[in-house]
Amino acid sequence: MTQILQWFAGPLAMAALVAASLPSIAADEPPTGGRVPTVTRLVKLFLEKEASLAAAVRNGDANALGALLTDDFEQRTGARAASPIPRADWMRELLRTRDPGGEISGMAVHDFGAVAIASFAQGTAGGPLLVVDVWRGQAGGDWKLAVRYASPAGSPAFAIPGGRATEPEIPKKY
């Protein structure tokens, strides 16, 4: 009986060593995909709000679009900073074209209690935009878009007072 145990002990020990080393071999393999994007709770919330705005525009649903806006909503653009576009005119134009803009990227959200500011880049047929949306509401409550600022994104080399041509590294706050 001892001889049988000794005969099985060698191969059994070798199999155990190989099995124990498999996870470390797999860990040394290079990753197969790209980075997995993660977003904060607020970025997720306002990406969903922006998606609701876009859906209302694409569907030509004035009631759904109006429900996402404050009564005093206005849009301001860099080219006409002193001439805000009133809610009714903005809605009429978006519902006429049914073009809410393209993909949103690089969103950041700053929470100030009853006000949240979401900024992001958005692709359009005319080129990328920088959009800053000011939302009013309460955490866990009904957020409504109060003001939208939009301007062409342009080149990062364009001189902006207080800005830098190179992107600073900003640590994420979680």
C-alpha atoms as a PDB file:
ATOM      1  CA  MET A   1       0.000   0.000   0.000  1.00  0.00           C
ATOM      2  CA  THR A   2       2.880   2.369   0.790  1.00  0.00           C
ATOM      3  CA  GLN A   3       4.406   1.705  -2.626  1.00  0.00           C
ATOM      4  CA  ILE A   4       1.123   2.605  -4.360  1.00  0.00           C
ATOM      5  CA  LEU A   5       0.883   5.876  -2.398  1.00  0.00           C
ATOM      6  CA  GLN A   6       4.488   6.755  -3.262  1.00  0.00           C
ATOM      7  CA  TRP A   7       3.851   5.932  -6.912  1.00  0.00           C
ATOM      8  CA  PHE A   8       0.807   8.350  -7.002  1.00  0.00           C
ATOM      9  CA  ALA A   9       2.385  11.038  -4.787  1.00  0.00           C
ATOM     10  CA  GLY A  10       4.946  12.193  -7.382  1.00  0.00           C
ATOM     11  CA  PRO A  11       2.507  12.791 -10.289  1.00  0.00           C
ATOM     12  CA  LEU A  12      -0.113  14.200  -7.874  1.00  0.00           C
ATOM     13  CA  ALA A  13       2.403  16.723  -6.482  1.00  0.00           C
ATOM     14  CA  MET A  14       3.453  17.712 -10.016  1.00  0.00           C
ATOM     15  CA  ALA A  15      -0.192  18.244 -11.060  1.00  0.00           C
ATOM     16  CA  ALA A  16      -0.805  20.373  -7.951  1.00  0.00           C
ATOM     17  CA  LEU A  17       2.203  22.574  -8.742  1.00  0.00           C
ATOM     18  CA  VAL A  18       1.091  23.086 -12.340  1.00  0.00           C
ATOM     19  CA  ALA A  19      -2.475  23.901 -11.262  1.00  0.00           C
ATOM     20  CA  ALA A  20      -1.249  26.381  -8.647  1.00  0.00           C
ATOM     21  CA  SER A  21       0.901  28.222 -11.193  1.00  0.00           C
ATOM     22  CA  LEU A  22      -1.843  28.642 -13.836  1.00  0.00           C
ATOM     23  CA  PRO A  23      -3.334  31.858 -12.376  1.00  0.00           C
ATOM     24  CA  SER A  24       0.084  33.546 -12.351  1.00  0.00           C
ATOM     25  CA  ILE A  25       0.696  32.512 -15.961  1.00  0.00           C
ATOM     26  CA  ALA A  26      -2.659  33.992 -16.981  1.00  0.00           C
ATOM     27  CA  ALA A  27      -1.916  37.180 -15.048  1.00  0.00           C
ATOM     28  CA  ASP A  28       1.251  37.747 -17.075  1.00  0.00           C
ATOM     29  CA  GLU A  29      -0.630  37.752 -20.385  1.00  0.00           C
ATOM     30  CA  PRO A  30      -1.121  41.193 -21.914  1.00  0.00           C
ATOM     31  CA  PRO A  31      -4.677  42.573 -21.812  1.00  0.00           C
ATOM     32  CA  THR A  32      -6.676  41.861 -24.947  1.00  0.00           C
ATOM     33  CA  GLY A  33      -8.953  44.909 -24.969  1.00  0.00           C
ATOM     34  CA  GLY A  34      -8.767  48.648 -24.439  1.00  0.00           C
ATOM     35  CA  ARG A  35      -9.523  50.579 -21.320  1.00  0.00           C
ATOM     36  CA  VAL A  36     -12.898  50.044 -19.748  1.00  0.00           C
ATOM     37  CA  PRO A  37     -14.448  53.487 -19.302  1.00  0.00           C
ATOM     38  CA  THR A  38     -15.887  54.195 -15.891  1.00  0.00           C
ATOM     39  CA  VAL A  39     -18.125  57.119 -15.066  1.00  0.00           C
ATOM     40  CA  THR A  40     -19.227  58.706 -11.845  1.00  0.00           C
ATOM     41  CA  ARG A  41     -22.808  58.502 -10.633  1.00  0.00           C
ATOM     42  CA  LEU A  42     -23.457  62.121 -11.681  1.00  0.00           C
ATOM     43  CA  VAL A  43     -21.920  61.695 -15.128  1.00  0.00           C
ATOM     44  CA  LYS A  44     -24.132  58.627 -15.650  1.00  0.00           C
ATOM     45  CA  LEU A  45     -27.201  60.589 -14.497  1.00  0.00           C
ATOM     46  CA  PHE A  46     -26.565  63.522 -16.825  1.00  0.00           C
ATOM     47  CA  LEU A  47     -25.580  61.331 -19.772  1.00  0.00           C
ATOM     48  CA  GLU A  48     -29.039  59.796 -19.343  1.00  0.00           C
ATOM     49  CA  LYS A  49     -30.627  63.287 -19.191  1.00  0.00           C
ATOM     50  CA  GLU A  50     -28.794  64.292 -22.375  1.00  0.00           C
ATOM     51  CA  ALA A  51     -29.950  61.050 -24.020  1.00  0.00           C
ATOM     52  CA  SER A  52     -33.548  61.908 -23.037  1.00  0.00           C
ATOM     53  CA  LEU A  53     -33.178  65.354 -24.610  1.00  0.00           C
ATOM     54  CA  ALA A  54     -31.802  63.789 -27.800  1.00  0.00           C
ATOM     55  CA  ALA A  55     -34.589  61.191 -27.938  1.00  0.00           C
ATOM     56  CA  ALA A  56     -37.269  63.870 -27.556  1.00  0.00           C
ATOM     57  CA  VAL A  57     -35.707  65.878 -30.391  1.00  0.00           C
ATOM     58  CA  ARG A  58     -35.319  62.855 -32.720  1.00  0.00           C
ATOM     59  CA  ASN A  59     -38.923  61.825 -32.022  1.00  0.00           C
ATOM     60  CA  GLY A  60     -40.238  65.369 -32.558  1.00  0.00           C
ATOM     61  CA  ASP A  61     -41.852  65.216 -29.094  1.00  0.00           C
ATOM     62  CA  ALA A  62     -42.359  68.798 -27.935  1.00  0.00           C
ATOM     63  CA  ASN A  63     -43.999  67.711 -24.664  1.00  0.00           C
ATOM     64  CA  ALA A  64     -41.110  65.438 -23.672  1.00  0.00           C
ATOM     65  CA  LEU A  65     -38.563  68.082 -24.641  1.00  0.00           C
ATOM     66  CA  GLY A  66     -40.425  70.820 -22.771  1.00  0.00           C
ATOM     67  CA  ALA A  67     -40.640  68.647 -19.652  1.00  0.00           C
ATOM     68  CA  LEU A  68     -36.820  68.508 -19.525  1.00  0.00           C
ATOM     69  CA  LEU A  69     -36.439  72.305 -19.650  1.00  0.00           C
ATOM     70  CA  THR A  70     -37.103  75.052 -17.123  1.00  0.00           C
ATOM     71  CA  ASP A  71     -39.706  77.623 -18.158  1.00  0.00           C
ATOM     72  CA  ASP A  72     -36.970  80.259 -18.479  1.00  0.00           C
ATOM     73  CA  PHE A  73     -34.517  78.059 -20.443  1.00  0.00           C
ATOM     74  CA  GLU A  74     -32.205  79.809 -22.893  1.00  0.00           C
ATOM     75  CA  GLN A  75     -29.224  78.874 -25.038  1.00  0.00           C
ATOM     76  CA  ARG A  76     -26.174  81.099 -25.399  1.00  0.00           C
ATOM     77  CA  THR A  77     -23.537  80.711 -28.074  1.00  0.00           C
ATOM     78  CA  GLY A  78     -20.032  82.093 -28.301  1.00  0.00           C
ATOM     79  CA  ALA A  79     -20.765  83.854 -31.592  1.00  0.00           C
ATOM     80  CA  ARG A  80     -23.795  85.677 -30.161  1.00  0.00           C
ATOM     81  CA  ALA A  81     -23.023  85.898 -26.451  1.00  0.00           C
ATOM     82  CA  ALA A  82     -25.244  88.961 -25.904  1.00  0.00           C
ATOM     83  CA  SER A  83     -28.246  87.458 -27.723  1.00  0.00           C
ATOM     84  CA  PRO A  84     -29.650  84.415 -25.928  1.00  0.00           C
ATOM     85  CA  ILE A  85     -31.906  82.070 -27.866  1.00  0.00           C
ATOM     86  CA  PRO A  86     -35.235  81.787 -25.978  1.00  0.00           C
ATOM     87  CA  ARG A  87     -36.776  78.435 -25.052  1.00  0.00           C
ATOM     88  CA  ALA A  88     -39.547  78.532 -27.678  1.00  0.00           C
ATOM     89  CA  ASP A  89     -37.168  79.431 -30.535  1.00  0.00           C
ATOM     90  CA  TRP A  90     -34.624  76.791 -29.471  1.00  0.00           C
ATOM     91  CA  MET A  91     -37.297  74.091 -29.215  1.00  0.00           C
ATOM     92  CA  ARG A  92     -38.883  75.053 -32.545  1.00  0.00           C
ATOM     93  CA  GLU A  93     -35.534  74.832 -34.383  1.00  0.00           C
ATOM     94  CA  LEU A  94     -34.499  71.518 -32.814  1.00  0.00           C
ATOM     95  CA  LEU A  95     -37.902  69.955 -33.447  1.00  0.00           C
ATOM     96  CA  ARG A  96     -37.852  71.221 -37.040  1.00  0.00           C
ATOM     97  CA  THR A  97     -34.456  69.672 -37.807  1.00  0.00           C
ATOM     98  CA  ARG A  98     -34.797  66.706 -35.427  1.00  0.00           C
ATOM     99  CA  ASP A  99     -31.017  66.855 -35.050  1.00  0.00           C
ATOM    100  CA  PRO A 100     -29.950  66.837 -31.398  1.00  0.00           C
ATOM    101  CA  GLY A 101     -26.245  66.653 -32.261  1.00  0.00           C
ATOM    102  CA  GLY A 102     -23.912  63.716 -32.249  1.00  0.00           C
ATOM    103  CA  GLU A 103     -22.013  61.651 -29.735  1.00  0.00           C
ATOM    104  CA  ILE A 104     -21.193  63.130 -26.335  1.00  0.00           C
ATOM    105  CA  SER A 105     -17.740  62.573 -24.855  1.00  0.00           C
ATOM    106  CA  GLY A 106     -15.552  63.842 -22.066  1.00  0.00           C
ATOM    107  CA  MET A 107     -18.393  64.785 -19.729  1.00  0.00           C
ATOM    108  CA  ALA A 108     -17.633  66.298 -16.347  1.00  0.00           C
ATOM    109  CA  VAL A 109     -20.283  67.245 -13.792  1.00  0.00           C
ATOM    110  CA  HIS A 110     -19.950  69.723 -10.938  1.00  0.00           C
ATOM    111  CA  ASP A 111     -22.612  69.381  -8.261  1.00  0.00           C
ATOM    112  CA  PHE A 112     -23.556  72.546  -6.355  1.00  0.00           C
ATOM    113  CA  GLY A 113     -26.626  71.175  -4.575  1.00  0.00           C
ATOM    114  CA  ALA A 114     -29.650  72.595  -6.384  1.00  0.00           C
ATOM    115  CA  VAL A 115     -27.521  73.307  -9.468  1.00  0.00           C
ATOM    116  CA  ALA A 116     -25.361  70.906 -11.475  1.00  0.00           C
ATOM    117  CA  ILE A 117     -23.119  71.945 -14.339  1.00  0.00           C
ATOM    118  CA  ALA A 118     -22.377  69.345 -17.008  1.00  0.00           C
ATOM    119  CA  SER A 119     -19.728  70.110 -19.620  1.00  0.00           C
ATOM    120  CA  PHE A 120     -18.885  67.904 -22.572  1.00  0.00           C
ATOM    121  CA  ALA A 121     -17.739  67.709 -26.157  1.00  0.00           C
ATOM    122  CA  GLN A 122     -20.381  66.903 -28.749  1.00  0.00           C
ATOM    123  CA  GLY A 123     -19.893  65.978 -32.359  1.00  0.00           C
ATOM    124  CA  THR A 124     -22.015  67.741 -34.971  1.00  0.00           C
ATOM    125  CA  ALA A 125     -22.102  67.893 -38.761  1.00  0.00           C
ATOM    126  CA  GLY A 126     -20.375  71.289 -38.556  1.00  0.00           C
ATOM    127  CA  GLY A 127     -17.608  70.076 -36.244  1.00  0.00           C
ATOM    128  CA  PRO A 128     -17.178  69.489 -32.516  1.00  0.00           C
ATOM    129  CA  LEU A 129     -18.833  71.695 -29.921  1.00  0.00           C
ATOM    130  CA  LEU A 130     -18.064  72.477 -26.325  1.00  0.00           C
ATOM    131  CA  VAL A 131     -21.378  72.381 -24.458  1.00  0.00           C
ATOM    132  CA  VAL A 132     -21.951  73.525 -20.898  1.00  0.00           C
ATOM    133  CA  ASP A 133     -25.398  72.697 -19.525  1.00  0.00           C
ATOM    134  CA  VAL A 134     -26.688  74.192 -16.296  1.00  0.00           C
ATOM    135  CA  TRP A 135     -29.268  71.920 -14.661  1.00  0.00           C
ATOM    136  CA  ARG A 136     -31.549  72.961 -11.783  1.00  0.00           C
ATOM    137  CA  GLY A 137     -33.089  70.486  -9.395  1.00  0.00           C
ATOM    138  CA  GLN A 138     -32.263  68.400  -6.366  1.00  0.00           C
ATOM    139  CA  ALA A 139     -30.170  65.293  -5.899  1.00  0.00           C
ATOM    140  CA  GLY A 140     -32.591  62.436  -6.419  1.00  0.00           C
ATOM    141  CA  GLY A 141     -35.160  64.908  -7.725  1.00  0.00           C
ATOM    142  CA  ASP A 142     -36.308  66.165 -11.073  1.00  0.00           C
ATOM    143  CA  TRP A 143     -33.469  67.947 -12.900  1.00  0.00           C
ATOM    144  CA  LYS A 144     -34.372  70.451 -15.635  1.00  0.00           C
ATOM    145  CA  LEU A 145     -32.072  72.136 -18.112  1.00  0.00           C
ATOM    146  CA  ALA A 146     -31.946  75.870 -17.350  1.00  0.00           C
ATOM    147  CA  VAL A 147     -29.187  77.224 -19.604  1.00  0.00           C
ATOM    148  CA  ARG A 148     -27.077  75.755 -22.382  1.00  0.00           C
ATOM    149  CA  TYR A 149     -23.827  77.364 -23.495  1.00  0.00           C
ATOM    150  CA  ALA A 150     -22.461  76.038 -26.782  1.00  0.00           C
ATOM    151  CA  SER A 151     -19.528  77.045 -28.916  1.00  0.00           C
ATOM    152  CA  PRO A 152     -17.259  75.457 -31.508  1.00  0.00           C
ATOM    153  CA  ALA A 153     -14.545  73.441 -29.788  1.00  0.00           C
ATOM    154  CA  GLY A 154     -11.761  74.595 -32.126  1.00  0.00           C
ATOM    155  CA  SER A 155      -8.069  73.983 -31.700  1.00  0.00           C
ATOM    156  CA  PRO A 156      -6.432  73.504 -28.295  1.00  0.00           C
ATOM    157  CA  ALA A 157      -3.694  75.873 -29.496  1.00  0.00           C
ATOM    158  CA  PHE A 158      -6.200  78.762 -29.597  1.00  0.00           C
ATOM    159  CA  ALA A 159      -5.217  81.296 -26.932  1.00  0.00           C
ATOM    160  CA  ILE A 160      -7.767  81.549 -24.128  1.00  0.00           C
ATOM    161  CA  PRO A 161      -6.907  83.790 -21.170  1.00  0.00           C
ATOM    162  CA  GLY A 162      -6.044  81.520 -18.269  1.00  0.00           C
ATOM    163  CA  GLY A 163      -5.919  78.461 -20.534  1.00  0.00           C
ATOM    164  CA  ARG A 164      -2.979  76.398 -21.678  1.00  0.00           C
ATOM    165  CA  ALA A 165      -2.275  74.905 -25.098  1.00  0.00           C
ATOM    166  CA  THR A 166      -1.250  71.627 -23.466  1.00  0.00           C
ATOM    167  CA  GLU A 167      -3.707  69.680 -21.386  1.00  0.00           C
ATOM    168  CA  PRO A 168      -2.935  69.633 -17.675  1.00  0.00           C
ATOM    169  CA  GLU A 169      -3.229  66.322 -15.868  1.00  0.00           C
ATOM    170  CA  ILE A 170      -6.218  66.609 -13.578  1.00  0.00           C
ATOM    171  CA  PRO A 171      -6.625  63.980 -10.861  1.00  0.00           C
ATOM    172  CA  LYS A 172     -10.043  62.323 -10.815  1.00  0.00           C
ATOM    173  CA  LYS A 173     -12.249  62.884  -7.784  1.00  0.00           C
ATOM    174  CA  TYR A 174     -14.277  59.832  -6.814  1.00  0.00           C
END
